[in-house]
């Protein structure tokens, strides 16, 4: 089982194709408490990069996924996921591992209408808003392999939803 946030974060310098601008990145950072545990250093925040995630799934042979911090997206009007990269005028869904090439990537996004309602009280997948379930279904279809088996909608143990 692999564990991934509902969005992407990075600590330190280097390429980060889906990094959000100051306003949206700050919003996710604050809602998700994305600060280093030891240093307090703010994490860089961006939309979920499915190109990178699909590569991680393949390399690690993942058959199941847990998606954490889904509740951080509750108030968003629009939610995006990166489905491919455009580099030097060519669009591809192949993962790029060379840092110099990755710096030149423009992410290609699939946009979703935000669910704009709290998920923190949901106890089952059926209680999640339809737009949230659609977002999760899209991720699962895109990855074409691992099943999303659990999602977290808050930091507490009882805010973890098991999906059968």
Protein backbone atom coordinates (compact mmCIF):
# COMPACT_ATOMS: atom_id res chain seq x y z
CA UNK A 1 0.00 0.00 0.00
CA UNK A 2 1.20 3.45 -0.89
CA UNK A 3 0.23 6.59 0.99
CA UNK A 4 -0.16 9.92 -0.78
CA UNK A 5 -1.63 13.29 0.07
CA UNK A 6 -4.57 14.60 -1.97
CA UNK A 7 -2.14 17.27 -3.20
CA UNK A 8 1.65 17.39 -3.59
CA UNK A 9 4.25 18.95 -1.30
CA UNK A 10 7.98 19.42 -1.53
CA UNK A 11 10.63 20.58 0.89
CA UNK A 12 13.63 22.50 -0.38
CA UNK A 13 14.73 23.66 -3.80
CA UNK A 14 14.37 21.88 -7.10
CA UNK A 15 11.82 21.28 -9.81
CA UNK A 16 8.17 21.09 -8.80
CA UNK A 17 5.94 21.22 -11.90
CA UNK A 18 2.61 21.53 -10.08
CA UNK A 19 3.74 24.11 -7.49
CA UNK A 20 1.00 26.65 -6.86
CA UNK A 21 1.32 30.40 -6.85
CA UNK A 22 1.78 32.24 -3.59
CA UNK A 23 -1.91 32.71 -2.78
CA UNK A 24 -3.21 29.18 -3.48
CA UNK A 25 -0.02 27.52 -2.26
CA UNK A 26 -0.26 29.50 0.99
CA UNK A 27 -3.92 28.54 1.40
CA UNK A 28 -3.16 24.81 1.12
CA UNK A 29 -0.06 25.20 3.33
CA UNK A 30 -2.11 26.84 6.09
CA UNK A 31 -5.13 24.52 5.92
CA UNK A 32 -2.91 21.43 5.73
CA UNK A 33 -0.38 22.64 8.32
CA UNK A 34 2.39 22.05 5.83
CA UNK A 35 5.38 23.09 7.88
CA UNK A 36 8.43 20.99 8.76
CA UNK A 37 8.02 19.13 12.06
CA UNK A 38 11.53 19.94 13.23
CA UNK A 39 12.44 23.20 11.50
CA UNK A 40 8.98 24.72 11.00
CA UNK A 41 10.08 25.44 7.44
CA UNK A 42 7.09 25.93 5.10
CA UNK A 43 6.57 23.16 2.56
CA UNK A 44 5.98 24.03 -1.08
CA UNK A 45 2.47 22.99 -2.12
CA UNK A 46 0.99 22.03 -5.48
CA UNK A 47 -1.74 20.06 -7.16
CA UNK A 48 -1.55 16.28 -7.17
CA UNK A 49 0.93 15.11 -9.83
CA UNK A 50 -0.53 11.91 -11.25
CA UNK A 51 2.40 11.50 -13.65
CA UNK A 52 4.79 11.18 -10.71
CA UNK A 53 2.32 9.09 -8.72
CA UNK A 54 1.77 6.63 -11.58
CA UNK A 55 5.55 6.19 -11.81
CA UNK A 56 5.78 5.58 -8.05
CA UNK A 57 2.95 3.02 -8.30
CA UNK A 58 4.80 1.16 -11.07
CA UNK A 59 8.24 1.23 -9.43
CA UNK A 60 6.90 0.06 -6.07
CA UNK A 61 4.36 -2.46 -7.36
CA UNK A 62 1.55 -0.83 -5.41
CA UNK A 63 -1.86 -2.50 -5.49
CA UNK A 64 -3.54 -0.26 -2.91
CA UNK A 65 -3.49 3.43 -2.03
CA UNK A 66 -4.36 5.56 0.97
CA UNK A 67 -5.16 9.20 0.21
CA UNK A 68 -4.55 11.54 3.13
CA UNK A 69 -5.53 15.13 3.84
CA UNK A 70 -8.54 15.01 1.53
CA UNK A 71 -10.26 17.51 3.84
CA UNK A 72 -7.64 20.16 2.98
CA UNK A 73 -9.38 20.51 -0.41
CA UNK A 74 -12.88 20.93 1.08
CA UNK A 75 -13.10 24.70 0.54
CA UNK A 76 -11.57 24.84 -2.96
CA UNK A 77 -13.70 26.18 -5.84
CA UNK A 78 -11.63 24.20 -8.31
CA UNK A 79 -9.26 21.29 -7.83
CA UNK A 80 -6.71 20.20 -10.39
CA UNK A 81 -4.58 17.14 -11.01
CA UNK A 82 -1.64 16.95 -13.38
CA UNK A 83 -2.27 14.26 -16.02
CA UNK A 84 0.67 14.91 -18.36
CA UNK A 85 3.64 17.15 -18.99
CA UNK A 86 4.33 19.51 -21.86
CA UNK A 87 8.04 19.92 -22.46
CA UNK A 88 9.51 21.68 -25.45
CA UNK A 89 6.13 21.57 -27.21
CA UNK A 90 5.62 17.82 -26.73
CA UNK A 91 2.94 16.48 -24.39
CA UNK A 92 3.57 13.16 -22.66
CA UNK A 93 2.37 11.24 -19.65
CA UNK A 94 5.83 9.73 -19.16
CA UNK A 95 7.58 10.54 -15.90
CA UNK A 96 10.62 12.79 -16.22
CA UNK A 97 13.33 12.13 -13.68
CA UNK A 98 16.06 14.41 -15.05
CA UNK A 99 15.96 17.60 -12.94
CA UNK A 100 17.07 19.85 -15.79
CA UNK A 101 14.27 18.60 -18.06
CA UNK A 102 11.75 18.64 -15.22
CA UNK A 103 12.47 22.35 -14.67
CA UNK A 104 11.14 23.00 -18.22
CA UNK A 105 7.88 21.10 -17.74
CA UNK A 106 4.52 22.78 -18.01
CA UNK A 107 1.90 20.60 -16.31
CA UNK A 108 -1.27 19.67 -18.20
CA UNK A 109 -4.19 19.65 -15.79
CA UNK A 110 -7.58 18.02 -15.48
CA UNK A 111 -9.86 20.34 -13.50
CA UNK A 112 -12.60 19.30 -11.12
CA UNK A 113 -15.33 21.35 -9.57
CA UNK A 114 -14.64 21.62 -5.85
CA UNK A 115 -17.06 19.96 -3.47
CA UNK A 116 -17.03 23.00 -1.14
CA UNK A 117 -18.41 21.17 1.83
CA UNK A 118 -16.81 19.65 4.88
CA UNK A 119 -15.78 16.01 4.74
CA UNK A 120 -14.42 15.78 8.29
CA UNK A 121 -17.60 14.22 9.69
CA UNK A 122 -17.88 11.58 6.97
CA UNK A 123 -17.49 8.05 8.32
CA UNK A 124 -18.03 6.04 5.09
CA UNK A 125 -17.22 6.49 1.42
CA UNK A 126 -20.95 6.80 0.71
CA UNK A 127 -21.10 9.85 3.00
CA UNK A 128 -18.43 11.68 0.97
CA UNK A 129 -19.83 14.31 -1.40
CA UNK A 130 -20.43 13.06 -4.96
CA UNK A 131 -17.78 15.46 -6.30
CA UNK A 132 -15.24 14.05 -3.84
CA UNK A 133 -16.02 10.49 -4.91
CA UNK A 134 -15.67 11.56 -8.56
CA UNK A 135 -12.23 13.03 -7.80
CA UNK A 136 -11.14 9.79 -6.12
CA UNK A 137 -12.61 7.66 -8.93
CA UNK A 138 -10.67 9.69 -11.49
CA UNK A 139 -7.40 9.15 -9.63
CA UNK A 140 -8.06 5.42 -9.47
CA UNK A 141 -8.94 5.21 -13.19
CA UNK A 142 -5.91 7.27 -14.20
CA UNK A 143 -3.52 5.08 -12.23
CA UNK A 144 -5.11 1.97 -13.76
CA UNK A 145 -4.09 -0.48 -11.08
CA UNK A 146 -4.09 0.32 -7.41
CA UNK A 147 -7.39 0.55 -5.59
CA UNK A 148 -7.96 3.41 -3.16
CA UNK A 149 -8.57 1.52 0.07
CA UNK A 150 -8.66 4.37 2.56
CA UNK A 151 -8.90 8.14 2.73
CA UNK A 152 -8.36 10.47 5.63
CA UNK A 153 -10.58 13.49 6.17
CA UNK A 154 -8.83 14.81 9.25
CA UNK A 155 -5.94 14.12 11.61
CA UNK A 156 -7.78 11.86 14.03
CA UNK A 157 -7.85 8.07 13.74
CA UNK A 158 -11.65 8.06 13.50
CA UNK A 159 -11.37 10.38 10.50
CA UNK A 160 -9.94 7.58 8.37
CA UNK A 161 -12.46 6.03 6.01
CA UNK A 162 -11.93 2.43 4.90
CA UNK A 163 -13.17 1.73 1.38
CA UNK A 164 -14.11 -1.80 0.36
